[in-house]
Structure formats: C-alpha cells, structure tokens
Amino acid sequence: MSSQLSPHLVQYIVVRGDLKWSVGALIGNACHASVAAIVKHMSSGDKHTIEYIQHLESMTKVVLKADNEEVLRDVCHKLSQNNVEYHLWTEQPEGIITCVATTPRPRDVLKPLLNHLKLFK
C-alpha cells in the first residue's frame, strides 16, 4: 500500500453560520461530526473511509458554511440523492443541529454537490 493518501479523497464538513456560538464550540461540533462519519462508515468496510484513516498525516478536510439549518438540511438532502453517506451532528442536550460531515470521497464527487457554499471563516 502507498504511504500517501490518494490525493483525491477529501472529507467535507458543513457548519451552520447563523449560530451565535464561540468558534471553539463550532469547531468542537465539526470534530464530533467528522469522527462520527468516519467511525460509522469505517466499521461498515467503506473502502474510501478505510483508505482515508490509514494516512493520518495526509488527510484533507474542507469546512464550509451553511447560512442556517434549512440550508444544512438541503445539503443533507442533496448528499442523500447522490448516495453520499454523512453524519448530521445534533448538539445535546439542546437538540440543535449544528453541522454535517461527509464520509471521505473523491473530491470530484463532493465538490459539485457543495460548490454553492463558501468556506467557513
């Protein structure tokens, strides 16, 4: 096996931009969603996820901003329509949907589905 991750594999994380939370809290939620998406699909034998985690030092993530919960739900719908697995993170105990993370997939699969969103800043 190659010592480097296939350059095309990437994980996208989309975070709500309308929450008036600290950046640290939002980053924490994005991390939760990322780990959840990876763990759920690693155990199912997903080949892209397995390859992605075998190269910890070269993983690529793109973090985008959704303007609100409705946009985030639209992202989930678009991912589902295109057979892209993901994890939608809901902060507990508040029950607030904060972000979604895809499973690692080739960039050319994910980018066209999410190119209407801007980078999270």
N, C-alpha and C. Protein backbone atom coordinates (compact mmCIF):
# COMPACT_ATOMS: atom_id res chain seq x y z
N MET A 1 0.84 -1.19 0.00
CA MET A 1 0.00 0.00 0.00
C MET A 1 0.88 1.24 0.00
N SER A 2 0.47 2.24 -0.70
CA SER A 2 1.18 3.52 -0.77
C SER A 2 1.21 4.17 0.60
N SER A 3 2.28 4.92 0.87
CA SER A 3 2.38 5.60 2.16
C SER A 3 1.60 6.91 2.18
N GLN A 4 1.04 7.31 1.05
CA GLN A 4 0.29 8.56 1.00
C GLN A 4 -1.15 8.29 0.58
N LEU A 5 -2.03 9.13 1.10
CA LEU A 5 -3.44 9.07 0.76
C LEU A 5 -3.63 9.45 -0.70
N SER A 6 -4.57 8.77 -1.35
CA SER A 6 -4.91 9.18 -2.71
C SER A 6 -5.26 10.65 -2.69
N PRO A 7 -4.67 11.44 -3.57
CA PRO A 7 -4.84 12.90 -3.48
C PRO A 7 -6.27 13.37 -3.70
N HIS A 8 -7.09 12.52 -4.19
CA HIS A 8 -8.45 12.93 -4.50
C HIS A 8 -9.42 12.74 -3.34
N LEU A 9 -9.06 12.01 -2.28
CA LEU A 9 -10.00 11.78 -1.18
C LEU A 9 -10.05 12.98 -0.25
N VAL A 10 -11.27 13.38 0.11
CA VAL A 10 -11.48 14.53 0.97
C VAL A 10 -12.74 14.33 1.79
N GLN A 11 -12.77 14.92 2.98
CA GLN A 11 -13.98 14.93 3.79
C GLN A 11 -14.46 16.37 3.87
N TYR A 12 -15.73 16.57 3.58
CA TYR A 12 -16.33 17.90 3.70
C TYR A 12 -17.13 17.97 4.98
N ILE A 13 -17.03 19.11 5.64
CA ILE A 13 -17.81 19.40 6.84
C ILE A 13 -18.50 20.73 6.61
N VAL A 14 -19.81 20.75 6.82
CA VAL A 14 -20.59 21.97 6.61
C VAL A 14 -21.15 22.38 7.97
N VAL A 15 -20.82 23.61 8.39
CA VAL A 15 -21.16 24.12 9.71
C VAL A 15 -22.15 25.28 9.56
N ARG A 16 -23.14 25.32 10.43
CA ARG A 16 -24.08 26.44 10.41
C ARG A 16 -23.38 27.74 10.78
N GLY A 17 -23.63 28.77 10.00
CA GLY A 17 -23.02 30.06 10.24
C GLY A 17 -23.91 31.02 11.01
N ASP A 18 -25.15 30.63 11.28
CA ASP A 18 -26.07 31.54 11.96
C ASP A 18 -26.08 31.36 13.47
N LEU A 19 -25.39 30.36 13.99
CA LEU A 19 -25.37 30.15 15.44
C LEU A 19 -24.43 31.16 16.08
N LYS A 20 -24.86 31.75 17.13
CA LYS A 20 -24.06 32.75 17.85
C LYS A 20 -23.24 32.07 18.94
N TRP A 21 -22.51 31.06 18.53
CA TRP A 21 -21.67 30.28 19.44
C TRP A 21 -20.21 30.70 19.24
N SER A 22 -19.38 30.35 20.21
CA SER A 22 -17.96 30.62 20.06
C SER A 22 -17.40 29.76 18.92
N VAL A 23 -16.32 30.24 18.34
CA VAL A 23 -15.68 29.47 17.27
C VAL A 23 -15.24 28.12 17.81
N GLY A 24 -14.76 28.09 19.04
CA GLY A 24 -14.32 26.83 19.64
C GLY A 24 -15.45 25.81 19.74
N ALA A 25 -16.64 26.27 20.13
CA ALA A 25 -17.79 25.36 20.22
C ALA A 25 -18.17 24.82 18.84
N LEU A 26 -18.12 25.66 17.83
CA LEU A 26 -18.45 25.22 16.48
C LEU A 26 -17.40 24.24 15.94
N ILE A 27 -16.13 24.52 16.22
CA ILE A 27 -15.07 23.60 15.81
C ILE A 27 -15.24 22.26 16.50
N GLY A 28 -15.58 22.29 17.79
CA GLY A 28 -15.82 21.04 18.52
C GLY A 28 -16.92 20.22 17.88
N ASN A 29 -18.02 20.87 17.51
CA ASN A 29 -19.12 20.17 16.86
C ASN A 29 -18.70 19.61 15.50
N ALA A 30 -17.91 20.37 14.75
CA ALA A 30 -17.42 19.88 13.46
C ALA A 30 -16.54 18.64 13.66
N CYS A 31 -15.72 18.67 14.70
CA CYS A 31 -14.88 17.50 15.01
C CYS A 31 -15.74 16.29 15.35
N HIS A 32 -16.77 16.50 16.16
CA HIS A 32 -17.68 15.40 16.52
C HIS A 32 -18.30 14.78 15.26
N ALA A 33 -18.79 15.64 14.37
CA ALA A 33 -19.43 15.15 13.15
C ALA A 33 -18.43 14.39 12.27
N SER A 34 -17.22 14.91 12.17
CA SER A 34 -16.19 14.27 11.36
C SER A 34 -15.88 12.87 11.88
N VAL A 35 -15.63 12.78 13.17
CA VAL A 35 -15.31 11.48 13.77
C VAL A 35 -16.49 10.51 13.62
N ALA A 36 -17.69 11.00 13.88
CA ALA A 36 -18.88 10.13 13.77
C ALA A 36 -19.04 9.58 12.36
N ALA A 37 -18.87 10.43 11.35
CA ALA A 37 -19.00 9.97 9.96
C ALA A 37 -17.95 8.92 9.64
N ILE A 38 -16.74 9.13 10.09
CA ILE A 38 -15.66 8.19 9.81
C ILE A 38 -15.88 6.87 10.55
N VAL A 39 -16.18 6.92 11.83
CA VAL A 39 -16.33 5.69 12.61
C VAL A 39 -17.51 4.86 12.11
N LYS A 40 -18.63 5.52 11.84
CA LYS A 40 -19.81 4.79 11.35
C LYS A 40 -19.52 4.03 10.06
N HIS A 41 -18.78 4.63 9.18
CA HIS A 41 -18.58 4.02 7.86
C HIS A 41 -17.31 3.19 7.76
N MET A 42 -16.39 3.39 8.69
CA MET A 42 -15.22 2.54 8.76
C MET A 42 -15.66 1.13 9.16
N SER A 43 -16.55 1.06 10.13
CA SER A 43 -16.99 -0.25 10.62
C SER A 43 -17.81 -1.01 9.59
N SER A 44 -18.37 -0.29 8.60
CA SER A 44 -19.13 -0.97 7.56
C SER A 44 -18.24 -1.41 6.39
N GLY A 45 -16.94 -1.13 6.51
CA GLY A 45 -15.99 -1.57 5.48
C GLY A 45 -15.89 -0.65 4.28
N ASP A 46 -16.34 0.60 4.42
CA ASP A 46 -16.29 1.55 3.32
C ASP A 46 -14.84 1.77 2.88
N LYS A 47 -14.56 1.45 1.60
CA LYS A 47 -13.17 1.47 1.12
C LYS A 47 -12.53 2.86 1.17
N HIS A 48 -13.29 3.91 0.87
CA HIS A 48 -12.72 5.26 0.90
C HIS A 48 -12.39 5.68 2.33
N THR A 49 -13.27 5.36 3.25
CA THR A 49 -13.04 5.72 4.65
C THR A 49 -11.83 4.98 5.20
N ILE A 50 -11.72 3.71 4.89
CA ILE A 50 -10.58 2.92 5.37
C ILE A 50 -9.27 3.47 4.82
N GLU A 51 -9.24 3.79 3.53
CA GLU A 51 -8.02 4.36 2.96
C GLU A 51 -7.70 5.70 3.62
N TYR A 52 -8.71 6.52 3.83
CA TYR A 52 -8.53 7.85 4.42
C TYR A 52 -7.89 7.77 5.80
N ILE A 53 -8.36 6.87 6.65
CA ILE A 53 -7.83 6.81 8.02
C ILE A 53 -6.48 6.11 8.11
N GLN A 54 -6.09 5.42 7.06
CA GLN A 54 -4.78 4.78 7.07
C GLN A 54 -3.65 5.78 6.85
N HIS A 55 -4.00 7.02 6.55
CA HIS A 55 -2.99 8.04 6.24
C HIS A 55 -3.28 9.29 7.08
N LEU A 56 -3.11 9.15 8.39
CA LEU A 56 -3.49 10.23 9.31
C LEU A 56 -2.77 11.55 9.05
N GLU A 57 -1.56 11.49 8.57
CA GLU A 57 -0.77 12.71 8.38
C GLU A 57 -1.09 13.43 7.07
N SER A 58 -1.93 12.84 6.23
CA SER A 58 -2.21 13.50 4.95
C SER A 58 -3.71 13.61 4.65
N MET A 59 -4.53 13.56 5.69
CA MET A 59 -5.97 13.70 5.48
C MET A 59 -6.31 15.12 5.04
N THR A 60 -7.31 15.25 4.17
CA THR A 60 -7.76 16.56 3.70
C THR A 60 -9.21 16.74 4.08
N LYS A 61 -9.51 17.90 4.67
CA LYS A 61 -10.87 18.28 5.02
C LYS A 61 -11.13 19.67 4.47
N VAL A 62 -12.39 19.91 4.09
CA VAL A 62 -12.82 21.23 3.66
C VAL A 62 -14.01 21.60 4.54
N VAL A 63 -13.93 22.76 5.18
CA VAL A 63 -15.00 23.20 6.07
C VAL A 63 -15.73 24.37 5.42
N LEU A 64 -17.03 24.15 5.20
CA LEU A 64 -17.88 25.13 4.53
C LEU A 64 -18.94 25.66 5.49
N LYS A 65 -19.59 26.75 5.08
CA LYS A 65 -20.60 27.39 5.92
C LYS A 65 -21.98 27.27 5.28
N ALA A 66 -22.94 26.83 6.10
CA ALA A 66 -24.35 26.87 5.72
C ALA A 66 -24.96 28.07 6.43
N ASP A 67 -25.76 28.85 5.74
CA ASP A 67 -26.31 30.07 6.34
C ASP A 67 -27.25 29.79 7.50
N ASN A 68 -27.92 28.63 7.49
CA ASN A 68 -28.87 28.32 8.55
C ASN A 68 -29.20 26.82 8.49
N GLU A 69 -30.10 26.39 9.39
CA GLU A 69 -30.47 24.98 9.47
C GLU A 69 -31.12 24.48 8.18
N GLU A 70 -31.93 25.30 7.56
CA GLU A 70 -32.60 24.90 6.32
C GLU A 70 -31.58 24.58 5.22
N VAL A 71 -30.56 25.42 5.10
CA VAL A 71 -29.51 25.17 4.10
C VAL A 71 -28.78 23.87 4.45
N LEU A 72 -28.51 23.64 5.73
CA LEU A 72 -27.83 22.42 6.15
C LEU A 72 -28.67 21.19 5.81
N ARG A 73 -29.97 21.27 6.03
CA ARG A 73 -30.86 20.15 5.69
C ARG A 73 -30.90 19.95 4.17
N ASP A 74 -30.85 21.03 3.41
CA ASP A 74 -30.80 20.91 1.95
C ASP A 74 -29.52 20.19 1.50
N VAL A 75 -28.42 20.49 2.17
CA VAL A 75 -27.15 19.81 1.88
C VAL A 75 -27.32 18.31 2.13
N CYS A 76 -27.91 17.95 3.25
CA CYS A 76 -28.13 16.53 3.56
C CYS A 76 -28.99 15.86 2.50
N HIS A 77 -30.02 16.56 2.06
CA HIS A 77 -30.90 16.02 1.04
C HIS A 77 -30.13 15.78 -0.27
N LYS A 78 -29.31 16.75 -0.65
CA LYS A 78 -28.52 16.62 -1.88
C LYS A 78 -27.52 15.47 -1.77
N LEU A 79 -26.89 15.34 -0.59
CA LEU A 79 -25.96 14.23 -0.39
C LEU A 79 -26.69 12.89 -0.51
N SER A 80 -27.85 12.78 0.12
CA SER A 80 -28.64 11.55 0.06
C SER A 80 -29.03 11.21 -1.37
N GLN A 81 -29.46 12.21 -2.12
CA GLN A 81 -29.87 11.99 -3.51
C GLN A 81 -28.72 11.46 -4.36
N ASN A 82 -27.50 11.78 -3.95
CA ASN A 82 -26.31 11.37 -4.71
C ASN A 82 -25.56 10.21 -4.05
N ASN A 83 -26.24 9.54 -3.12
CA ASN A 83 -25.68 8.36 -2.45
C ASN A 83 -24.36 8.63 -1.74
N VAL A 84 -24.25 9.81 -1.13
CA VAL A 84 -23.08 10.15 -0.33
C VAL A 84 -23.47 10.01 1.13
N GLU A 85 -22.75 9.15 1.84
CA GLU A 85 -23.02 8.95 3.27
C GLU A 85 -22.50 10.15 4.06
N TYR A 86 -23.16 10.42 5.19
CA TYR A 86 -22.78 11.57 6.02
C TYR A 86 -23.29 11.35 7.44
N HIS A 87 -22.84 12.23 8.33
CA HIS A 87 -23.38 12.25 9.69
C HIS A 87 -23.82 13.67 10.01
N LEU A 88 -25.07 13.80 10.37
CA LEU A 88 -25.63 15.09 10.78
C LEU A 88 -25.49 15.18 12.30
N TRP A 89 -24.76 16.19 12.76
CA TRP A 89 -24.50 16.32 14.20
C TRP A 89 -25.56 17.19 14.86
N THR A 90 -26.13 16.67 15.95
CA THR A 90 -27.09 17.40 16.76
C THR A 90 -26.51 17.56 18.14
N GLU A 91 -26.30 18.79 18.56
CA GLU A 91 -25.74 19.08 19.88
C GLU A 91 -26.77 18.75 20.95
N GLN A 92 -26.33 17.98 21.94
CA GLN A 92 -27.19 17.59 23.06
C GLN A 92 -26.67 18.21 24.34
N PRO A 93 -27.52 18.53 25.28
CA PRO A 93 -28.94 18.19 25.35
C PRO A 93 -29.85 19.19 24.64
N GLU A 94 -29.28 20.19 24.00
CA GLU A 94 -30.09 21.25 23.40
C GLU A 94 -30.92 20.80 22.20
N GLY A 95 -30.47 19.77 21.51
CA GLY A 95 -31.17 19.29 20.32
C GLY A 95 -31.01 20.21 19.13
N ILE A 96 -29.87 20.90 19.04
CA ILE A 96 -29.62 21.86 17.96
C ILE A 96 -28.74 21.21 16.90
N ILE A 97 -29.25 21.18 15.67
CA ILE A 97 -28.48 20.66 14.54
C ILE A 97 -27.42 21.70 14.21
N THR A 98 -26.15 21.28 14.22
CA THR A 98 -25.06 22.25 14.05
C THR A 98 -24.24 22.05 12.78
N CYS A 99 -24.07 20.81 12.33
CA CYS A 99 -23.20 20.59 11.18
C CYS A 99 -23.40 19.19 10.61
N VAL A 100 -22.83 18.99 9.45
CA VAL A 100 -22.84 17.69 8.80
C VAL A 100 -21.45 17.41 8.25
N ALA A 101 -21.03 16.16 8.36
CA ALA A 101 -19.75 15.74 7.79
C ALA A 101 -19.98 14.57 6.85
N THR A 102 -19.38 14.66 5.69
CA THR A 102 -19.47 13.56 4.73
C THR A 102 -18.48 12.47 5.11
N THR A 103 -18.68 11.30 4.56
CA THR A 103 -17.62 10.31 4.59
C THR A 103 -16.58 10.75 3.56
N PRO A 104 -15.35 10.33 3.72
CA PRO A 104 -14.34 10.68 2.72
C PRO A 104 -14.74 10.12 1.35
N ARG A 105 -14.64 10.98 0.36
CA ARG A 105 -15.00 10.61 -1.00
C ARG A 105 -14.07 11.35 -1.96
N PRO A 106 -14.00 10.91 -3.20
CA PRO A 106 -13.21 11.66 -4.18
C PRO A 106 -13.73 13.10 -4.29
N ARG A 107 -12.80 14.01 -4.36
CA ARG A 107 -13.16 15.43 -4.45
C ARG A 107 -14.10 15.71 -5.62
N ASP A 108 -13.87 15.03 -6.74
CA ASP A 108 -14.71 15.30 -7.91
C ASP A 108 -16.14 14.80 -7.74
N VAL A 109 -16.41 14.00 -6.73
CA VAL A 109 -17.78 13.60 -6.40
C VAL A 109 -18.44 14.65 -5.51
N LEU A 110 -17.70 15.11 -4.49
CA LEU A 110 -18.28 16.01 -3.49
C LEU A 110 -18.32 17.47 -3.91
N LYS A 111 -17.28 17.94 -4.54
CA LYS A 111 -17.20 19.37 -4.85
C LYS A 111 -18.40 19.89 -5.65
N PRO A 112 -18.85 19.21 -6.69
CA PRO A 112 -20.00 19.74 -7.44
C PRO A 112 -21.29 19.81 -6.60
N LEU A 113 -21.39 18.96 -5.58
CA LEU A 113 -22.59 18.96 -4.74
C LEU A 113 -22.59 20.11 -3.74
N LEU A 114 -21.40 20.62 -3.43
CA LEU A 114 -21.27 21.61 -2.36
C LEU A 114 -20.67 22.93 -2.81
N ASN A 115 -20.45 23.10 -4.11
CA ASN A 115 -19.75 24.29 -4.60
C ASN A 115 -20.55 25.58 -4.45
N HIS A 116 -21.81 25.50 -4.05
CA HIS A 116 -22.62 26.71 -3.82
C HIS A 116 -22.36 27.30 -2.43
N LEU A 117 -21.61 26.58 -1.60
CA LEU A 117 -21.31 27.05 -0.24
C LEU A 117 -19.92 27.68 -0.20
N LYS A 118 -19.75 28.61 0.74
CA LYS A 118 -18.46 29.28 0.91
C LYS A 118 -17.68 28.64 2.07
N LEU A 119 -16.37 28.88 2.06
CA LEU A 119 -15.56 28.39 3.17
C LEU A 119 -16.03 29.00 4.48
N PHE A 120 -15.96 28.20 5.54
CA PHE A 120 -16.28 28.69 6.87
C PHE A 120 -15.11 29.53 7.36
N LYS A 121 -15.42 30.75 7.80
CA LYS A 121 -14.34 31.63 8.29
C LYS A 121 -14.63 32.09 9.70
